[in-house]
C-alpha cells in the first residue's frame, strides 16, 4: 500500500510542473491531507495488528479454559459415578397345610432331657448307662462318613434306635399362618468408571422384617423349618432373605471390556447371579443384560468370574456367549487327622444365540462340584450348621426364551418359557448331621445306596402391559419328583418357587404412578399386588439332602423339616426405583 501512495505522489509532482502556481498551492494542501491519511492508515494497520495479537491470545485463553473445564468434568462425580437404587415395602399374608411327622430335632432333645432328668433324680447304674449310651450314640453318628459305614453303625445300634423311638415327638398336621408380615428392603446401586474400558459395579442391600432383626419370621423360629432354603441366612442368600438392618454387599465386581478392541469382556467379584431372567417381569425391572443367569437354574449370590464374547453376526443379532465360575463354599486349609472338605464350586456355560427386544433365546449348562450338605448358618433350629461332608456333583441343563409382542389389543404382551433338567452324581458319602442321607438319596436313619437322580422343571409366564401403566401377570411352574435347583436367594417368602416339587401358580398386578422421573429417566414408583398358590407333590423342595417322599405318603415319618402339602401367599408391595 505504501508503494502505491509513493507512486501516486511522484506522479503528482511531475504533473505539477505543467500546471499554474495557483494550482500548485492547492496541491500542497492536498499533499498534507494525503500525508495525514497515510499516518492514519499506518495507525490503523498497527491497531489491526494489535487486535490480531489480542485475538490470538484470547483464543489461546479460551482453549486453556476449555481444557481446564474438560479436565474438571473428567474428574467430576457425574462423569465417572452413577448412583441408583430401590426401596420396597412389602406385606405378606402366609398360610399353609402340613402333614403329620416326627420331628427329629425335638425327638433327640426330648430323649436327652428325659434321660438327664431321670439320672439327676436317681443316679442309678441303669440311668447312667442309658444317658451315656445316648451320648456315645450321638458321638458315633458324627464319625460316620459313607453309606457302608452308616449301614454298619445302624446295625450295631439297633437297640438304641428302638429306644429313641420311645421319645419320639410327633407333630400333628396343622395349618401354620402369619397374617401380616411386614418388611423393608433397600438397595443402593453404584457404577464407577475407573479407566477406559474398566469399571466397578456394586450393589448394597438391606432387608429386614418389621419388629425383628433376624430371619425368624420366615424360618418357623422355635420349630422345625418348612424348607431347606429357609432354615437361616447364609452367604448365598444374605440380603435376599429378611434378616437384619445391616447394609450388606450384595454385588461388587470389576469389568474389563473391549479387550483387544473386540466385544470381549472379563469380570470378577461378587457376581450378578441373583434375580435373573425372567424374574424382571414380575419385579418390574429392566431386562438383564449380558450379566446374570436364568432364574430357573441359579439364584444364588456367588463370588466368581466370567469371560464373555459377543460376536458381530448379522444373522444372530445380539448373540453372545460366556463361561462363568463361582465358589459357593470355601473349605479352608486341609486337615491332617480327619477327612478334609472340598471347596464347593460352580462352572457354567451360557449361550444366547439371539438377544433383541422382540426375542431372546438362551441355552445354559451348569455343574455344581463337591456339593456340601449344609451351609454355614448361625442360630438356626439345628443350632449352628456348617458343611460336614461333600455329597457329590450336580449337572443342570436349561433352555428358554422370552419376548415381546406389540399391539396386542391396547397394549403389549410379554411372554417367557423356560425348561430345566437336573442330574445328580452322588459319591459314597452321607450326611451324618442329617441322619445318613445322601445326595437325593435315603431318609433319616434309613440310608440308600448312591444312585443318580434326574429331575425336570418348566416355568411359563405372561405379562400384559396397558397404556395406563397397568401390568397384569400370570406365571406357572412345575418341578418333578427329583427336581433340584440352586436358587435359595429367590424373593419368594415361603420358599423359592422354582425349586418346588409340584406346581406353583401366581397372579399379580402392577400399577405404576404417573409421576415425572427426577433422579434418572429409569426412575419410577409402583404398587404390586399378587397371590401365590403352592401345590407340593413331594417333600424336600429346594433340598438336595435326602430322597423325596410323596406328600400323600407322609404320615409320621422322622423328618428334619415340616412337610407342607399346600401353601398360600397373598402379598402387596410399594416400590420406588431411583
Protein backbone atom coordinates (compact mmCIF):
# COMPACT_ATOMS: atom_id res chain seq x y z
CA UNK A 1 0.00 0.00 0.00
CA UNK A 2 2.92 2.33 0.78
CA UNK A 3 4.37 1.85 -2.72
CA UNK A 4 1.10 2.83 -4.26
CA UNK A 5 0.95 6.05 -2.27
CA UNK A 6 4.59 6.94 -3.17
CA UNK A 7 3.98 6.28 -6.85
CA UNK A 8 0.93 8.49 -6.82
CA UNK A 9 2.84 11.33 -5.11
CA UNK A 10 5.66 11.25 -7.72
CA UNK A 11 3.14 11.34 -10.49
CA UNK A 12 1.51 14.33 -8.87
CA UNK A 13 4.84 16.22 -8.55
CA UNK A 14 5.70 15.70 -12.20
CA UNK A 15 2.28 16.83 -13.24
CA UNK A 16 2.63 19.94 -11.11
CA UNK A 17 5.44 21.19 -13.34
CA UNK A 18 2.92 21.69 -16.08
CA UNK A 19 0.16 23.46 -14.08
CA UNK A 20 -0.12 27.01 -12.87
CA UNK A 21 1.32 28.15 -9.48
CA UNK A 22 -2.18 28.66 -8.02
CA UNK A 23 -2.97 25.14 -8.66
CA UNK A 24 0.29 24.11 -7.01
CA UNK A 25 -0.79 25.80 -3.78
CA UNK A 26 -3.97 23.78 -3.80
CA UNK A 27 -1.95 20.67 -4.39
CA UNK A 28 0.21 21.44 -1.36
CA UNK A 29 -2.89 21.28 0.81
CA UNK A 30 -3.79 18.02 -0.86
CA UNK A 31 -0.35 16.63 -0.09
CA UNK A 32 -0.77 17.48 3.57
CA UNK A 33 -4.09 15.68 3.62
CA UNK A 34 -2.55 12.69 1.88
CA UNK A 35 0.27 12.58 4.41
CA UNK A 36 -2.26 12.79 7.25
CA UNK A 37 -4.25 9.97 5.69
CA UNK A 38 -1.09 7.88 5.32
CA UNK A 39 -0.39 8.35 9.02
CA UNK A 40 -3.96 7.35 9.89
CA UNK A 41 -3.67 4.27 7.68
CA UNK A 42 -0.42 3.33 9.37
CA UNK A 43 -2.07 3.78 12.76
CA UNK A 44 -5.00 1.63 11.65
CA UNK A 45 -2.59 -1.03 10.43
CA UNK A 46 -0.87 -1.05 13.83
CA UNK A 47 -4.24 -1.23 15.57
CA UNK A 48 -5.35 -4.16 13.37
CA UNK A 49 -2.11 -5.98 14.14
CA UNK A 50 -2.59 -5.34 17.84
CA UNK A 51 -6.17 -6.62 17.63
CA UNK A 52 -4.98 -9.75 15.83
CA UNK A 53 -2.41 -10.41 18.53
CA UNK A 54 -5.04 -9.83 21.20
CA UNK A 55 -7.43 -12.21 19.41
CA UNK A 56 -4.76 -14.90 19.26
CA UNK A 57 -4.19 -14.55 22.99
CA UNK A 58 -7.93 -14.62 23.64
CA UNK A 59 -8.28 -17.80 21.57
CA UNK A 60 -5.41 -19.35 23.50
CA UNK A 61 -7.04 -18.31 26.76
CA UNK A 62 -10.38 -19.84 25.68
CA UNK A 63 -8.66 -23.08 24.73
CA UNK A 64 -6.94 -23.18 28.08
CA UNK A 65 -10.25 -22.62 29.90
CA UNK A 66 -11.94 -25.34 27.83
CA UNK A 67 -9.15 -27.77 28.65
CA UNK A 68 -9.48 -26.97 32.34
CA UNK A 69 -13.25 -27.45 32.14
CA UNK A 70 -12.78 -30.79 30.34
CA UNK A 71 -10.33 -31.99 32.97
CA UNK A 72 -12.69 -30.90 35.74
CA UNK A 73 -15.59 -32.69 34.04
CA UNK A 74 -13.47 -35.83 33.70
CA UNK A 75 -12.82 -35.66 37.43
CA UNK A 76 -16.40 -34.78 38.39
CA UNK A 77 -18.63 -37.41 40.00
CA UNK A 78 -21.18 -37.26 37.19
CA UNK A 79 -18.53 -38.27 34.67
CA UNK A 80 -17.43 -41.48 36.39
CA UNK A 81 -20.04 -42.33 39.05
CA UNK A 82 -23.65 -43.37 38.55
CA UNK A 83 -25.87 -43.81 41.60
CA UNK A 84 -29.23 -45.56 41.69
CA UNK A 85 -31.20 -47.95 43.82
CA UNK A 86 -34.58 -49.03 45.06
CA UNK A 87 -36.82 -49.25 48.12
CA UNK A 88 -39.52 -51.85 48.74
CA UNK A 89 -42.16 -52.06 51.42
CA UNK A 90 -43.84 -55.46 51.42
CA UNK A 91 -46.67 -57.10 53.31
CA UNK A 92 -47.21 -60.86 53.16
CA UNK A 93 -50.11 -62.92 54.42
CA UNK A 94 -48.96 -66.54 54.64
CA UNK A 95 -50.94 -69.74 55.23
CA UNK A 96 -50.24 -73.43 54.74
CA UNK A 97 -51.26 -77.02 55.41
CA UNK A 98 -48.91 -79.66 56.82
CA UNK A 99 -48.86 -83.43 57.22
CA UNK A 100 -48.09 -85.20 60.50
CA UNK A 101 -44.43 -86.07 61.03
CA UNK A 102 -41.89 -86.94 63.71
CA UNK A 103 -39.61 -84.01 64.47
CA UNK A 104 -36.05 -85.38 64.52
CA UNK A 105 -34.52 -82.47 66.39
CA UNK A 106 -37.26 -82.38 69.00
CA UNK A 107 -37.07 -86.17 69.44
CA UNK A 108 -33.36 -86.14 70.27
CA UNK A 109 -33.81 -83.13 72.56
CA UNK A 110 -36.66 -84.92 74.33
CA UNK A 111 -34.58 -88.08 74.80
CA UNK A 112 -31.66 -86.11 76.20
CA UNK A 113 -33.85 -84.06 78.56
CA UNK A 114 -35.72 -87.06 79.92
CA UNK A 115 -32.60 -89.20 80.40
CA UNK A 116 -30.79 -86.34 82.13
CA UNK A 117 -33.79 -85.70 84.38
CA UNK A 118 -34.00 -89.39 85.25
CA UNK A 119 -30.30 -89.56 86.06
CA UNK A 120 -30.31 -86.43 88.24
CA UNK A 121 -33.42 -87.70 90.04
CA UNK A 122 -31.94 -91.18 90.50
CA UNK A 123 -28.26 -91.62 89.51
CA UNK A 124 -28.59 -95.39 89.30
CA UNK A 125 -26.31 -97.51 87.10
CA UNK A 126 -29.21 -98.15 84.73
CA UNK A 127 -29.99 -94.45 84.30
CA UNK A 128 -26.29 -93.64 83.95
CA UNK A 129 -25.91 -96.32 81.29
CA UNK A 130 -28.92 -95.01 79.38
CA UNK A 131 -27.62 -91.43 79.39
CA UNK A 132 -24.06 -92.40 78.46
CA UNK A 133 -25.43 -94.68 75.75
CA UNK A 134 -27.26 -91.76 74.15
CA UNK A 135 -24.14 -89.59 74.34
CA UNK A 136 -21.99 -92.32 72.80
CA UNK A 137 -24.61 -92.83 70.10
CA UNK A 138 -24.54 -89.11 69.21
CA UNK A 139 -20.74 -89.11 69.10
CA UNK A 140 -20.77 -92.22 66.93
CA UNK A 141 -23.12 -90.59 64.44
CA UNK A 142 -20.62 -87.77 63.88
CA UNK A 143 -17.94 -90.26 62.91
CA UNK A 144 -19.90 -91.83 60.05
CA UNK A 145 -18.79 -90.71 56.59
CA UNK A 146 -20.00 -93.21 53.98
CA UNK A 147 -23.03 -95.30 53.08
CA UNK A 148 -21.37 -98.55 54.13
CA UNK A 149 -20.27 -97.06 57.46
CA UNK A 150 -23.84 -95.87 58.05
CA UNK A 151 -25.21 -99.38 57.49
CA UNK A 152 -22.66 -100.84 59.89
CA UNK A 153 -23.36 -98.21 62.54
CA UNK A 154 -27.14 -98.62 62.39
CA UNK A 155 -26.85 -102.39 62.57
CA UNK A 156 -24.67 -102.15 65.68
CA UNK A 157 -27.04 -99.68 67.35
CA UNK A 158 -30.41 -101.22 66.58
CA UNK A 159 -31.30 -101.31 70.27
CA UNK A 160 -30.58 -97.60 70.71
CA UNK A 161 -32.67 -96.77 67.64
CA UNK A 162 -35.57 -98.64 69.17
CA UNK A 163 -35.12 -96.84 72.47
CA UNK A 164 -35.08 -93.42 70.80
CA UNK A 165 -38.42 -94.27 69.23
CA UNK A 166 -39.89 -94.16 72.70
CA UNK A 167 -39.07 -90.46 72.93
CA UNK A 168 -40.48 -89.56 69.51
CA UNK A 169 -42.07 -86.12 69.24
CA UNK A 170 -44.83 -86.39 66.67
CA UNK A 171 -46.16 -83.13 65.27
CA UNK A 172 -49.77 -83.50 64.10
CA UNK A 173 -50.99 -81.96 60.87
CA UNK A 174 -51.78 -78.29 61.35
CA UNK A 175 -52.31 -75.05 59.42
CA UNK A 176 -49.50 -72.56 60.04
CA UNK A 177 -50.22 -68.94 59.25
CA UNK A 178 -48.78 -65.46 59.58
CA UNK A 179 -51.49 -62.98 58.71
CA UNK A 180 -49.31 -59.87 58.46
CA UNK A 181 -45.59 -59.98 57.83
CA UNK A 182 -44.15 -56.53 57.05
CA UNK A 183 -40.68 -55.99 55.60
CA UNK A 184 -38.40 -53.21 54.36
CA UNK A 185 -35.82 -53.67 51.62
CA UNK A 186 -33.35 -51.01 50.48
CA UNK A 187 -30.82 -51.35 47.69
CA UNK A 188 -28.10 -48.91 46.61
CA UNK A 189 -26.53 -49.33 43.17
CA UNK A 190 -23.15 -47.83 42.24
CA UNK A 191 -21.36 -47.92 38.91
CA UNK A 192 -17.85 -46.46 38.76
CA UNK A 193 -15.79 -45.88 35.62
CA UNK A 194 -12.21 -46.31 36.78
CA UNK A 195 -10.41 -46.08 33.43
CA UNK A 196 -11.09 -46.54 29.77
CA UNK A 197 -12.95 -49.87 29.37
CA UNK A 198 -12.60 -50.64 33.10
CA UNK A 199 -15.47 -50.24 35.56
CA UNK A 200 -16.59 -51.38 39.01
CA UNK A 201 -20.24 -52.17 39.78
CA UNK A 202 -21.63 -52.56 43.29
CA UNK A 203 -24.98 -53.17 44.94
CA UNK A 204 -25.56 -52.79 48.68
CA UNK A 205 -28.67 -54.41 50.11
CA UNK A 206 -30.60 -54.30 53.39
CA UNK A 207 -33.68 -56.47 54.02
CA UNK A 208 -35.43 -56.79 57.38
CA UNK A 209 -38.82 -57.53 58.85
CA UNK A 210 -40.74 -55.02 60.93
CA UNK A 211 -40.08 -55.58 64.62
CA UNK A 212 -37.22 -58.05 64.23
CA UNK A 213 -33.55 -58.14 63.34
CA UNK A 214 -33.33 -61.81 62.40
CA UNK A 215 -34.85 -64.25 59.92
CA UNK A 216 -37.12 -65.98 62.45
CA UNK A 217 -40.34 -64.80 60.82
CA UNK A 218 -39.67 -66.98 57.75
CA UNK A 219 -37.78 -69.89 59.34
CA UNK A 220 -40.59 -71.04 61.67
CA UNK A 221 -38.44 -69.96 64.59
CA UNK A 222 -38.61 -72.35 67.54
CA UNK A 223 -39.95 -75.23 65.45
CA UNK A 224 -38.82 -77.34 62.52
CA UNK A 225 -38.39 -75.10 59.47
CA UNK A 226 -40.52 -75.74 56.42
CA UNK A 227 -37.81 -75.73 53.74
CA UNK A 228 -34.04 -76.11 53.48
CA UNK A 229 -33.63 -72.70 51.83
CA UNK A 230 -35.43 -71.04 54.75
CA UNK A 231 -33.52 -72.63 57.65
CA UNK A 232 -31.43 -69.48 58.07
CA UNK A 233 -29.48 -66.83 56.21
CA UNK A 234 -26.08 -67.72 54.77
CA UNK A 235 -23.54 -66.37 52.30
CA UNK A 236 -25.61 -67.24 49.24
CA UNK A 237 -28.79 -65.56 50.50
CA UNK A 238 -27.66 -62.63 52.66
CA UNK A 239 -29.58 -59.50 51.70
CA UNK A 240 -32.22 -61.52 49.85
CA UNK A 241 -33.99 -63.04 52.85
CA UNK A 242 -35.30 -60.65 55.55
CA UNK A 243 -32.80 -60.71 58.41
CA UNK A 244 -31.25 -57.50 59.79
CA UNK A 245 -30.80 -53.79 59.18
CA UNK A 246 -27.18 -54.28 58.07
CA UNK A 247 -26.38 -52.90 54.62
CA UNK A 248 -24.60 -55.90 53.10
CA UNK A 249 -22.54 -56.06 49.92
CA UNK A 250 -24.83 -57.99 47.59
CA UNK A 251 -22.70 -57.47 44.47
CA UNK A 252 -19.35 -55.92 43.68
CA UNK A 253 -17.36 -56.78 40.60
CA UNK A 254 -14.83 -55.23 38.24
CA UNK A 255 -15.24 -55.49 34.48
CA UNK A 256 -12.66 -55.07 31.73
CA UNK A 257 -14.42 -54.72 28.40
CA UNK A 258 -13.42 -54.15 24.77
CA UNK A 259 -10.45 -56.49 25.17
CA UNK A 260 -8.18 -56.43 22.09
CA UNK A 261 -10.67 -53.94 20.60
CA UNK A 262 -13.21 -56.75 20.35
CA UNK A 263 -16.52 -57.19 22.14
CA UNK A 264 -14.86 -59.42 24.74
CA UNK A 265 -15.09 -58.85 28.48
CA UNK A 266 -13.70 -60.22 31.71
CA UNK A 267 -15.43 -59.66 35.03
CA UNK A 268 -14.56 -60.79 38.56
CA UNK A 269 -16.06 -60.29 42.02
CA UNK A 270 -19.34 -60.96 43.80
CA UNK A 271 -21.45 -61.81 40.81
CA UNK A 272 -24.82 -60.61 39.48
CA UNK A 273 -26.09 -64.18 39.85
CA UNK A 274 -29.43 -63.36 41.50
CA UNK A 275 -32.79 -62.15 40.14
CA UNK A 276 -32.05 -63.34 36.61
CA UNK A 277 -34.45 -63.53 33.68
CA UNK A 278 -37.40 -63.84 33.56
CA UNK A 279 -37.83 -62.53 37.13
CA UNK A 280 -37.51 -58.96 35.84
CA UNK A 281 -41.07 -59.11 34.52
CA UNK A 282 -42.60 -59.82 37.93
CA UNK A 283 -40.17 -57.41 39.64
CA UNK A 284 -40.95 -54.67 37.08
CA UNK A 285 -37.27 -54.01 36.38
CA UNK A 286 -35.28 -53.75 33.17
CA UNK A 287 -34.37 -56.90 31.28
CA UNK A 288 -30.96 -58.17 32.43
CA UNK A 289 -28.11 -57.60 30.01
CA UNK A 290 -25.23 -59.97 29.43
CA UNK A 291 -24.84 -60.50 33.17
CA UNK A 292 -26.80 -62.90 35.33
CA UNK A 293 -28.12 -66.43 34.93
CA UNK A 294 -31.57 -67.92 34.20
CA UNK A 295 -33.55 -67.84 37.44
CA UNK A 296 -34.88 -71.37 36.97
CA UNK A 297 -31.38 -72.81 37.43
CA UNK A 298 -29.48 -70.37 39.66
CA UNK A 299 -30.49 -67.67 42.13
CA UNK A 300 -27.53 -67.64 44.50
CA UNK A 301 -25.11 -64.87 45.50
CA UNK A 302 -21.85 -66.26 44.13
CA UNK A 303 -18.30 -64.96 44.27
CA UNK A 304 -16.62 -65.72 40.97
CA UNK A 305 -15.69 -64.57 37.49
CA UNK A 306 -16.77 -64.69 33.87
CA UNK A 307 -15.34 -64.30 30.38
CA UNK A 308 -17.75 -63.32 27.61
CA UNK A 309 -17.74 -62.65 23.89
CA UNK A 310 -20.38 -61.01 21.71
CA UNK A 311 -19.52 -61.70 18.04
CA UNK A 312 -20.98 -59.46 15.35
CA UNK A 313 -23.11 -61.88 13.33
CA UNK A 314 -25.81 -60.36 11.13
CA UNK A 315 -27.94 -63.50 11.23
CA UNK A 316 -27.76 -63.63 15.05
CA UNK A 317 -28.39 -60.11 16.38
CA UNK A 318 -27.25 -59.55 19.95
CA UNK A 319 -25.69 -63.02 20.22
CA UNK A 320 -23.14 -63.67 22.95
CA UNK A 321 -21.64 -66.46 25.00
CA UNK A 322 -19.82 -66.65 28.30
CA UNK A 323 -18.05 -69.02 30.65
CA UNK A 324 -18.75 -68.50 34.35
CA UNK A 325 -17.11 -69.80 37.50
CA UNK A 326 -18.19 -69.31 41.10
CA UNK A 327 -17.34 -70.51 44.59
CA UNK A 328 -20.24 -71.47 46.80
CA UNK A 329 -18.20 -72.58 49.80
CA UNK A 330 -14.55 -72.09 50.81
CA UNK A 331 -13.38 -75.06 52.88
CA UNK A 332 -10.14 -73.54 54.17
CA UNK A 333 -6.99 -75.49 54.96
CA UNK A 334 -6.89 -79.26 54.58
CA UNK A 335 -6.80 -81.27 57.81
CA UNK A 336 -4.09 -83.71 58.86
CA UNK A 337 -6.08 -86.14 61.02
CA UNK A 338 -9.58 -86.03 59.54
CA UNK A 339 -11.18 -86.17 56.12
CA UNK A 340 -10.93 -82.74 54.54
CA UNK A 341 -13.85 -80.98 52.93
CA UNK A 342 -13.55 -79.85 49.33
CA UNK A 343 -14.49 -76.40 48.09
CA UNK A 344 -17.94 -76.20 46.52
CA UNK A 345 -17.56 -74.66 43.06
CA UNK A 346 -19.88 -73.90 40.16
CA UNK A 347 -18.95 -73.88 36.47
CA UNK A 348 -21.34 -72.65 33.80
CA UNK A 349 -21.55 -72.06 30.07
CA UNK A 350 -24.19 -69.70 28.69
CA UNK A 351 -25.01 -69.26 25.01
CA UNK A 352 -27.52 -66.63 23.88
CA UNK A 353 -27.90 -67.01 20.09
CA UNK A 354 -30.27 -64.04 19.78
CA UNK A 355 -30.99 -61.11 22.08
CA UNK A 356 -33.37 -58.48 20.71
CA UNK A 357 -36.42 -56.67 22.07
CA UNK A 358 -38.88 -59.00 20.30
CA UNK A 359 -36.99 -62.20 21.16
CA UNK A 360 -34.28 -63.52 23.45
CA UNK A 361 -33.19 -67.18 23.48
CA UNK A 362 -30.76 -68.81 25.93
CA UNK A 363 -29.06 -72.15 26.48
CA UNK A 364 -27.37 -72.91 29.81
CA UNK A 365 -25.26 -75.64 31.39
CA UNK A 366 -24.01 -75.55 34.98
CA UNK A 367 -22.12 -78.03 37.11
CA UNK A 368 -22.04 -77.81 40.90
CA UNK A 369 -18.96 -79.64 42.18
CA UNK A 370 -18.45 -81.13 45.65
CA UNK A 371 -21.89 -80.06 46.87
CA UNK A 372 -21.99 -79.50 50.65
CA UNK A 373 -24.64 -80.99 52.92
CA UNK A 374 -25.45 -77.74 54.73
CA UNK A 375 -24.19 -74.15 54.50
CA UNK A 376 -22.79 -72.13 57.39
CA UNK A 377 -25.67 -70.66 59.38
CA UNK A 378 -25.94 -69.39 62.94
CA UNK A 379 -28.79 -69.61 65.46
CA UNK A 380 -30.96 -71.99 63.45
CA UNK A 381 -33.38 -74.62 64.76
CA UNK A 382 -30.48 -77.06 64.42
CA UNK A 383 -28.01 -74.73 66.13
CA UNK A 384 -25.00 -73.50 64.19
CA UNK A 385 -24.76 -75.50 60.99
CA UNK A 386 -21.84 -75.89 58.63
CA UNK A 387 -20.72 -78.22 55.85
CA UNK A 388 -19.64 -81.57 57.27
CA UNK A 389 -19.22 -83.54 54.04
CA UNK A 390 -19.31 -83.30 50.25
CA UNK A 391 -22.10 -85.34 48.71
CA UNK A 392 -21.20 -85.27 45.00
CA UNK A 393 -21.87 -83.20 41.89
CA UNK A 394 -24.96 -81.91 40.10
CA UNK A 395 -25.40 -81.01 36.42
CA UNK A 396 -28.06 -78.55 35.28
CA UNK A 397 -29.27 -78.02 31.72
CA UNK A 398 -31.60 -75.23 30.65
CA UNK A 399 -33.19 -73.72 27.55
CA UNK A 400 -35.58 -70.82 27.39
CA UNK A 401 -36.90 -67.82 25.53
CA UNK A 402 -38.71 -64.59 26.24
CA UNK A 403 -40.07 -61.85 24.06
CA UNK A 404 -42.49 -59.00 23.50
CA UNK A 405 -45.42 -58.81 21.10
CA UNK A 406 -46.55 -55.25 20.43
CA UNK A 407 -50.05 -54.02 19.56
CA UNK A 408 -51.94 -56.83 21.24
CA UNK A 409 -55.23 -55.07 21.77
CA UNK A 410 -54.49 -51.81 23.56
CA UNK A 411 -51.16 -52.95 24.98
CA UNK A 412 -48.20 -55.25 24.51
CA UNK A 413 -47.69 -58.83 25.64
CA UNK A 414 -44.52 -60.06 27.34
CA UNK A 415 -44.03 -63.82 27.44
CA UNK A 416 -41.45 -66.38 28.54
CA UNK A 417 -40.93 -70.14 28.59
CA UNK A 418 -38.08 -71.93 30.34
CA UNK A 419 -37.21 -75.59 30.87
CA UNK A 420 -34.59 -77.18 33.09
CA UNK A 421 -33.14 -80.56 33.96
CA UNK A 422 -31.03 -81.60 36.95
CA UNK A 423 -28.85 -84.72 37.09
CA UNK A 424 -27.15 -85.75 40.33
CA UNK A 425 -23.85 -87.61 40.57
CA UNK A 426 -23.61 -88.75 44.21
CA UNK A 427 -20.45 -90.10 45.78
CA UNK A 428 -20.45 -92.65 48.61
CA UNK A 429 -20.69 -90.01 51.35
CA UNK A 430 -23.70 -89.47 53.57
CA UNK A 431 -24.58 -86.56 55.84
CA UNK A 432 -24.14 -87.60 59.47
CA UNK A 433 -25.81 -84.42 60.73
CA UNK A 434 -28.94 -85.30 58.73
CA UNK A 435 -29.29 -88.96 59.61
CA UNK A 436 -27.09 -90.53 56.91
CA UNK A 437 -28.99 -89.11 53.95
CA UNK A 438 -27.06 -88.67 50.71
CA UNK A 439 -27.35 -86.56 47.57
CA UNK A 440 -31.06 -87.01 46.80
CA UNK A 441 -30.94 -90.45 48.45
CA UNK A 442 -32.19 -92.05 51.65
CA UNK A 443 -34.23 -90.92 54.63
CA UNK A 444 -33.33 -90.13 58.23
CA UNK A 445 -31.56 -93.21 59.68
CA UNK A 446 -32.51 -95.06 56.51
CA UNK A 447 -29.58 -94.65 54.09
CA UNK A 448 -29.82 -95.55 50.43
CA UNK A 449 -27.07 -96.71 48.09
CA UNK A 450 -25.88 -93.79 45.94
CA UNK A 451 -27.63 -93.53 42.57
CA UNK A 452 -28.08 -90.74 40.04
CA UNK A 453 -31.44 -88.94 40.04
CA UNK A 454 -32.82 -86.86 37.16
CA UNK A 455 -35.39 -84.13 37.62
CA UNK A 456 -37.14 -81.72 35.27
CA UNK A 457 -38.91 -78.38 35.55
CA UNK A 458 -40.81 -75.89 33.41
CA UNK A 459 -41.50 -72.21 34.02
CA UNK A 460 -44.06 -70.26 31.96
CA UNK A 461 -45.41 -66.73 32.18
CA UNK A 462 -47.21 -63.79 30.58
CA UNK A 463 -47.39 -60.09 31.40
CA UNK A 464 -49.76 -57.73 29.63
CA UNK A 465 -48.79 -54.03 29.69
CA UNK A 466 -51.51 -51.40 29.20
CA UNK A 467 -51.07 -47.71 28.24
CA UNK A 468 -52.38 -46.77 31.70
CA UNK A 469 -49.13 -48.21 33.13
CA UNK A 470 -51.08 -51.16 34.46
CA UNK A 471 -49.36 -54.53 34.10
CA UNK A 472 -51.12 -57.85 34.62
CA UNK A 473 -49.09 -61.03 35.07
CA UNK A 474 -49.64 -64.78 35.25
CA UNK A 475 -46.97 -67.42 35.98
CA UNK A 476 -46.84 -71.19 36.38
CA UNK A 477 -44.01 -73.55 37.21
CA UNK A 478 -43.76 -77.28 37.80
CA UNK A 479 -40.97 -79.42 39.22
CA UNK A 480 -40.79 -83.20 39.08
CA UNK A 481 -40.09 -85.59 41.96
CA UNK A 482 -36.29 -85.39 41.68
CA UNK A 483 -36.01 -81.78 40.53
CA UNK A 484 -33.40 -79.72 42.37
CA UNK A 485 -32.32 -76.19 41.58
CA UNK A 486 -29.74 -73.83 43.12
CA UNK A 487 -31.97 -70.85 43.88
CA UNK A 488 -32.22 -70.15 47.64
CA UNK A 489 -31.90 -66.37 47.14
CA UNK A 490 -35.20 -66.05 45.27
CA UNK A 491 -37.52 -63.47 46.78
CA UNK A 492 -40.45 -65.81 47.48
CA UNK A 493 -41.39 -65.84 51.15
CA UNK A 494 -42.36 -69.49 51.68
CA UNK A 495 -39.58 -70.99 49.57
CA UNK A 496 -38.04 -70.41 46.16
CA UNK A 497 -40.96 -71.31 43.94
CA UNK A 498 -38.80 -72.51 41.04
CA UNK A 499 -37.44 -75.27 43.32
CA UNK A 500 -40.89 -76.67 44.09
CA UNK A 501 -41.54 -80.37 43.57
CA UNK A 502 -45.07 -79.86 42.42
CA UNK A 503 -46.95 -76.88 41.00
CA UNK A 504 -46.95 -73.16 41.73
CA UNK A 505 -49.49 -70.72 40.34
CA UNK A 506 -49.04 -66.95 40.63
CA UNK A 507 -51.02 -63.92 39.51
CA UNK A 508 -50.04 -60.30 40.04
CA UNK A 509 -50.95 -56.75 39.06
CA UNK A 510 -48.61 -53.75 38.89
CA UNK A 511 -49.74 -50.15 38.77
CA UNK A 512 -47.09 -47.52 38.11
CA UNK A 513 -47.64 -43.97 39.30
CA UNK A 514 -47.90 -41.37 36.55
CA UNK A 515 -45.13 -39.21 38.01
CA UNK A 516 -42.34 -37.42 36.16
CA UNK A 517 -38.96 -39.07 36.88
CA UNK A 518 -36.38 -36.83 38.54
CA UNK A 519 -33.40 -38.86 39.75
CA UNK A 520 -32.98 -40.64 36.39
CA UNK A 521 -35.01 -41.46 33.30
CA UNK A 522 -35.43 -45.00 34.72
CA UNK A 523 -36.95 -43.77 37.99
CA UNK A 524 -40.45 -44.99 38.77
CA UNK A 525 -42.80 -45.83 41.61
CA UNK A 526 -45.45 -48.53 41.63
CA UNK A 527 -47.72 -50.77 43.66
CA UNK A 528 -47.82 -54.54 43.19
CA UNK A 529 -50.48 -56.99 44.34
CA UNK A 530 -50.04 -60.74 43.97
CA UNK A 531 -51.05 -64.21 45.07
CA UNK A 532 -49.09 -67.48 45.06
CA UNK A 533 -50.51 -70.98 45.46
CA UNK A 534 -48.10 -73.87 46.08
CA UNK A 535 -49.28 -77.42 45.46
CA UNK A 536 -46.49 -79.66 46.79
CA UNK A 537 -46.46 -83.21 45.45
CA UNK A 538 -43.19 -84.38 47.05
CA UNK A 539 -41.17 -83.41 50.12
CA UNK A 540 -37.78 -81.74 50.04
CA UNK A 541 -38.38 -78.83 47.68
CA UNK A 542 -35.11 -76.88 47.34
CA UNK A 543 -33.26 -79.58 49.30
CA UNK A 544 -30.65 -81.91 47.79
CA UNK A 545 -30.14 -83.91 51.02
CA UNK A 546 -32.37 -86.99 51.13
CA UNK A 547 -34.82 -88.63 48.75
CA UNK A 548 -38.22 -87.04 48.05
CA UNK A 549 -41.30 -88.65 49.56
CA UNK A 550 -44.75 -88.33 48.04
CA UNK A 551 -46.73 -85.88 50.17
CA UNK A 552 -49.74 -88.19 50.37
CA UNK A 553 -47.47 -90.89 51.87
CA UNK A 554 -46.17 -88.66 54.68
CA UNK A 555 -47.70 -89.75 57.95
CA UNK A 556 -45.46 -89.60 60.98
CA UNK A 557 -42.04 -90.37 59.45
CA UNK A 558 -38.90 -88.92 61.01
CA UNK A 559 -38.06 -85.68 59.18
CA UNK A 560 -35.86 -82.65 59.77
CA UNK A 561 -38.26 -80.16 58.15
CA UNK A 562 -42.01 -79.69 58.44
CA UNK A 563 -43.71 -81.23 55.37
CA UNK A 564 -46.10 -78.79 53.71
CA UNK A 565 -48.75 -80.07 51.34
CA UNK A 566 -50.11 -76.66 50.33
CA UNK A 567 -49.09 -73.05 50.86
CA UNK A 568 -50.66 -69.70 50.10
CA UNK A 569 -49.14 -66.23 49.97
CA UNK A 570 -51.05 -63.02 49.32
CA UNK A 571 -48.68 -60.07 49.07
CA UNK A 572 -48.59 -56.36 48.31
CA UNK A 573 -45.66 -54.01 47.77
CA UNK A 574 -44.94 -50.33 47.32
CA UNK A 575 -41.70 -49.88 45.43
CA UNK A 576 -39.56 -46.94 44.34
CA UNK A 577 -36.77 -47.21 41.76
CA UNK A 578 -34.38 -44.27 41.58
